[in-house]
Amino acid sequence: MSVTATEDREFSERQREVLDAALALIVENGSALTMSALARRASCSKETLYKWFGDRDGLLTATVQWQAAKVRGVPLDRERLDREALGSALERFAADWLRVISSSTSVALNRLAVGHAGGDTPDLGSIVLHNGPFAMNRRVRPLLMAGEAAGLLRFEDADAAFHTFFGLVVRDVQIRLLLGEPMSLSADEIAIDARRASQQFLALFGAPEAEMAGQPTPRRI
């Protein structure tokens, strides 16, 4: 299994339980995650783990994918997509994202990934990069493209638009947590920050109200 695979995988209930156990071990012990330790914690055989995940890199990839899956994709009704619906969808995605990255689990994963980054072999740094930020780009892109096609958003480069959205949502929260600041975001704070990020994004990339009222022909990519 490629450690940089970024497909959205479906896990069974039992697999999710095992991956939650893996995340708990990473929070508790950092790089001490092994197939043997996980088999003991999750009360399953190593043979089952190898069958499901292939090897330790495959297990780490699945673990990161499961954590990233908690940032849900946003269902779209393209026939009824307007500025309000677009803003609400961006806000929901941003809130999920903030909730996940500020969790103790994600902080532990990212700290471990930074320590592994830049090695000569595929490692957790590469896994987190490809199944974290890169996967978020892929997950929110349909929403950005639907907004652009509906004439609600204007941008020349979808990747650049995503990177701006990333900056507005994540800001310096992640780096402060990684450096040990005792920050705990409440549900209300996450909601406020998510709303602010979506409003700022629409202020930067939203089509002018007059242009939307005139229903211009959307730019096709």
Protein backbone atom coordinates (compact mmCIF):
# COMPACT_ATOMS: atom_id res chain seq x y z
CA MET A 1 0.00 0.00 0.00
CA SER A 2 1.41 3.41 -0.92
CA VAL A 3 1.99 5.59 2.11
CA THR A 4 0.94 8.64 0.13
CA ALA A 5 -2.39 7.22 -1.03
CA THR A 6 -5.08 9.85 -0.56
CA GLU A 7 -8.26 8.04 -1.56
CA ASP A 8 -11.21 8.37 0.82
CA ARG A 9 -11.47 4.87 2.25
CA GLU A 10 -14.46 3.21 3.86
CA PHE A 11 -13.64 1.38 7.08
CA SER A 12 -15.80 -1.21 8.80
CA GLU A 13 -16.98 -0.59 12.36
CA ARG A 14 -14.35 -3.00 13.69
CA GLN A 15 -11.61 -1.37 11.63
CA ARG A 16 -12.64 2.03 13.01
CA GLU A 17 -12.38 0.65 16.55
CA VAL A 18 -8.87 -0.61 15.80
CA LEU A 19 -7.85 2.71 14.24
CA ASP A 20 -9.19 4.58 17.28
CA ALA A 21 -7.00 2.32 19.41
CA ALA A 22 -4.03 3.18 17.18
CA LEU A 23 -4.73 6.90 17.61
CA ALA A 24 -4.90 6.45 21.38
CA LEU A 25 -1.51 4.70 21.35
CA ILE A 26 0.02 7.51 19.30
CA VAL A 27 -1.27 10.11 21.77
CA GLU A 28 0.09 8.08 24.70
CA ASN A 29 3.36 6.79 23.29
CA GLY A 30 4.21 8.67 20.11
CA SER A 31 6.45 6.63 17.84
CA ALA A 32 5.96 3.51 19.98
CA LEU A 33 3.06 2.42 17.75
CA THR A 34 3.74 -1.12 16.57
CA MET A 35 1.62 -3.92 15.20
CA SER A 36 2.21 -5.89 18.41
CA ALA A 37 1.19 -3.02 20.68
CA LEU A 38 -1.93 -2.34 18.63
CA ALA A 39 -2.90 -6.01 18.55
CA ARG A 40 -2.77 -6.06 22.35
CA ARG A 41 -4.68 -2.78 22.77
CA ALA A 42 -7.37 -3.62 20.20
CA SER A 43 -7.68 -7.31 21.17
CA CYS A 44 -7.05 -8.58 17.67
CA SER A 45 -4.37 -10.65 15.98
CA LYS A 46 -1.37 -9.27 14.15
CA GLU A 47 -2.42 -11.41 11.21
CA THR A 48 -5.66 -9.44 10.99
CA LEU A 49 -3.78 -6.14 11.12
CA TYR A 50 -1.45 -7.21 8.31
CA LYS A 51 -4.42 -8.41 6.27
CA TRP A 52 -6.24 -5.09 6.67
CA PHE A 53 -3.36 -2.63 6.46
CA GLY A 54 -0.41 -4.44 4.87
CA ASP A 55 2.41 -3.14 7.05
CA ARG A 56 3.17 -0.43 9.59
CA ASP A 57 3.21 2.31 6.94
CA GLY A 58 -0.15 1.07 5.71
CA LEU A 59 -1.45 1.15 9.27
CA LEU A 60 -0.18 4.71 9.77
CA THR A 61 -1.76 5.78 6.48
CA ALA A 62 -5.13 4.29 7.46
CA THR A 63 -4.88 5.88 10.91
CA VAL A 64 -4.28 9.35 9.45
CA GLN A 65 -7.03 8.83 6.87
CA TRP A 66 -9.48 7.87 9.62
CA GLN A 67 -8.61 10.98 11.64
CA ALA A 68 -8.88 13.19 8.53
CA ALA A 69 -12.25 11.61 7.65
CA LYS A 70 -13.70 13.44 10.66
CA VAL A 71 -13.59 16.55 8.47
CA ARG A 72 -16.69 15.68 6.49
CA GLY A 73 -17.30 16.42 2.85
CA VAL A 74 -20.19 18.82 2.29
CA PRO A 75 -23.22 17.50 0.35
CA LEU A 76 -24.24 19.82 -2.47
CA ASP A 77 -27.58 20.70 -3.99
CA ARG A 78 -26.30 22.39 -7.12
CA GLU A 79 -29.81 23.42 -8.18
CA ARG A 80 -30.30 25.46 -5.00
CA LEU A 81 -26.78 26.68 -4.40
CA ASP A 82 -26.80 30.37 -3.54
CA ARG A 83 -24.47 32.64 -1.57
CA GLU A 84 -26.10 31.77 1.76
CA ALA A 85 -25.92 28.01 1.14
CA LEU A 86 -22.32 28.30 -0.04
CA GLY A 87 -21.34 30.28 3.04
CA SER A 88 -23.04 27.75 5.33
CA ALA A 89 -21.26 24.85 3.62
CA LEU A 90 -17.86 26.54 3.91
CA GLU A 91 -18.60 27.33 7.56
CA ARG A 92 -19.48 23.71 8.34
CA PHE A 93 -16.33 22.44 6.66
CA ALA A 94 -14.20 25.00 8.50
CA ALA A 95 -15.76 24.08 11.87
CA ASP A 96 -15.07 20.37 11.30
CA TRP A 97 -11.52 21.17 10.27
CA LEU A 98 -10.83 23.33 13.33
CA ARG A 99 -12.37 20.73 15.63
CA VAL A 100 -10.12 18.02 14.23
CA ILE A 101 -6.81 19.91 14.08
CA SER A 102 -7.22 21.28 17.61
CA SER A 103 -7.85 17.83 19.11
CA SER A 104 -5.16 16.20 21.22
CA THR A 105 -5.08 13.34 18.71
CA SER A 106 -4.23 15.56 15.74
CA VAL A 107 -1.67 17.51 17.76
CA ALA A 108 0.07 14.26 18.70
CA LEU A 109 -0.03 13.01 15.10
CA ASN A 110 1.40 16.24 13.74
CA ARG A 111 4.15 16.43 16.35
CA LEU A 112 5.18 12.90 15.49
CA ALA A 113 4.98 13.67 11.76
CA VAL A 114 7.25 16.70 12.07
CA GLY A 115 9.84 14.54 13.80
CA HIS A 116 9.70 12.04 10.93
CA ALA A 117 9.69 14.56 8.07
CA GLY A 118 12.55 14.79 5.59
CA GLY A 119 13.89 11.27 5.96
CA ASP A 120 15.19 9.12 3.14
CA THR A 121 12.27 6.68 3.31
CA PRO A 122 8.50 7.17 3.26
CA ASP A 123 7.43 8.20 6.74
CA LEU A 124 4.65 9.66 8.83
CA GLY A 125 5.51 13.19 7.69
CA SER A 126 4.69 12.25 4.10
CA ILE A 127 1.61 10.32 5.19
CA VAL A 128 0.18 13.27 7.13
CA LEU A 129 1.00 15.74 4.35
CA HIS A 130 -0.75 13.71 1.66
CA ASN A 131 -3.70 12.57 3.75
CA GLY A 132 -4.08 15.79 5.72
CA PRO A 133 -3.77 19.12 3.85
CA PHE A 134 -3.73 17.51 0.39
CA ALA A 135 -6.84 15.48 1.23
CA MET A 136 -8.60 18.59 2.58
CA ASN A 137 -7.94 20.30 -0.76
CA ARG A 138 -9.52 17.39 -2.60
CA ARG A 139 -12.48 17.25 -0.21
CA VAL A 140 -13.44 20.93 -0.38
CA ARG A 141 -12.65 21.41 -4.08
CA PRO A 142 -16.10 20.24 -5.34
CA LEU A 143 -17.67 22.95 -3.20
CA LEU A 144 -15.34 25.63 -4.55
CA MET A 145 -15.85 24.50 -8.13
CA ALA A 146 -19.64 24.38 -7.69
CA GLY A 147 -19.56 27.93 -6.33
CA GLU A 148 -17.45 29.05 -9.26
CA ALA A 149 -19.68 27.32 -11.81
CA ALA A 150 -22.77 28.94 -10.26
CA GLY A 151 -21.21 32.38 -10.58
CA LEU A 152 -20.92 32.78 -6.80
CA LEU A 153 -17.12 32.63 -6.64
CA ARG A 154 -14.45 34.12 -8.86
CA PHE A 155 -10.92 32.76 -8.96
CA GLU A 156 -8.31 31.93 -11.56
CA ASP A 157 -6.70 29.05 -9.68
CA ALA A 158 -8.62 26.60 -7.49
CA ASP A 159 -5.45 25.58 -5.64
CA ALA A 160 -4.66 29.19 -4.79
CA ALA A 161 -8.23 29.68 -3.57
CA PHE A 162 -7.92 26.60 -1.36
CA HIS A 163 -4.62 27.77 0.10
CA THR A 164 -6.25 31.07 1.00
CA PHE A 165 -9.14 29.22 2.65
CA PHE A 166 -6.59 27.06 4.50
CA GLY A 167 -4.87 30.15 5.85
CA LEU A 168 -8.12 31.78 6.93
CA VAL A 169 -9.33 28.67 8.75
CA VAL A 170 -6.14 27.28 10.29
CA ARG A 171 -4.32 30.60 10.80
CA ASP A 172 -1.62 30.08 13.48
CA VAL A 173 -3.73 27.70 15.57
CA GLN A 174 -1.91 24.55 14.49
CA ILE A 175 1.63 25.85 14.97
CA ARG A 176 0.77 27.27 18.41
CA LEU A 177 -0.64 23.92 19.48
CA LEU A 178 2.38 22.07 18.08
CA LEU A 179 4.66 24.34 20.09
CA GLY A 180 2.81 23.52 23.27
CA GLU A 181 0.53 26.48 23.88
CA PRO A 182 -2.21 25.29 26.28
CA MET A 183 -5.01 26.27 23.93
CA SER A 184 -8.45 24.70 24.14
CA LEU A 185 -11.02 25.85 21.60
CA SER A 186 -14.59 25.71 22.85
CA ALA A 187 -17.48 24.81 20.57
CA ASP A 188 -18.54 28.47 20.54
CA GLU A 189 -15.03 29.66 19.66
CA ILE A 190 -14.80 27.13 16.83
CA ALA A 191 -18.19 28.25 15.48
CA ILE A 192 -17.16 31.92 15.60
CA ASP A 193 -13.79 31.26 13.94
CA ALA A 194 -15.39 29.09 11.24
CA ARG A 195 -17.98 31.75 10.47
CA ARG A 196 -15.33 34.45 10.31
CA ALA A 197 -13.15 32.38 7.96
CA SER A 198 -16.03 31.65 5.57
CA GLN A 199 -17.10 35.30 5.54
CA GLN A 200 -13.54 36.45 4.87
CA PHE A 201 -13.19 33.91 2.07
CA LEU A 202 -16.41 35.12 0.44
CA ALA A 203 -15.25 38.71 0.80
CA LEU A 204 -12.10 37.82 -1.13
CA PHE A 205 -13.50 35.45 -3.76
CA GLY A 206 -17.24 36.04 -3.82
CA ALA A 207 -18.72 37.51 -7.00
CA PRO A 208 -20.09 41.04 -6.51
CA GLU A 209 -23.77 41.16 -5.54
CA ALA A 210 -24.67 43.10 -8.68
CA GLU A 211 -22.96 40.53 -10.87
CA MET A 212 -24.80 37.65 -9.15
CA ALA A 213 -28.11 39.46 -9.57
CA GLY A 214 -27.42 39.69 -13.30
CA GLN A 215 -26.74 35.95 -13.44
CA PRO A 216 -23.57 36.13 -15.58
CA THR A 217 -22.46 33.21 -17.64
CA PRO A 218 -20.12 31.19 -15.39
CA ARG A 219 -16.52 30.89 -16.49
CA ARG A 220 -15.79 27.34 -17.55
CA ILE A 221 -12.52 25.66 -16.72
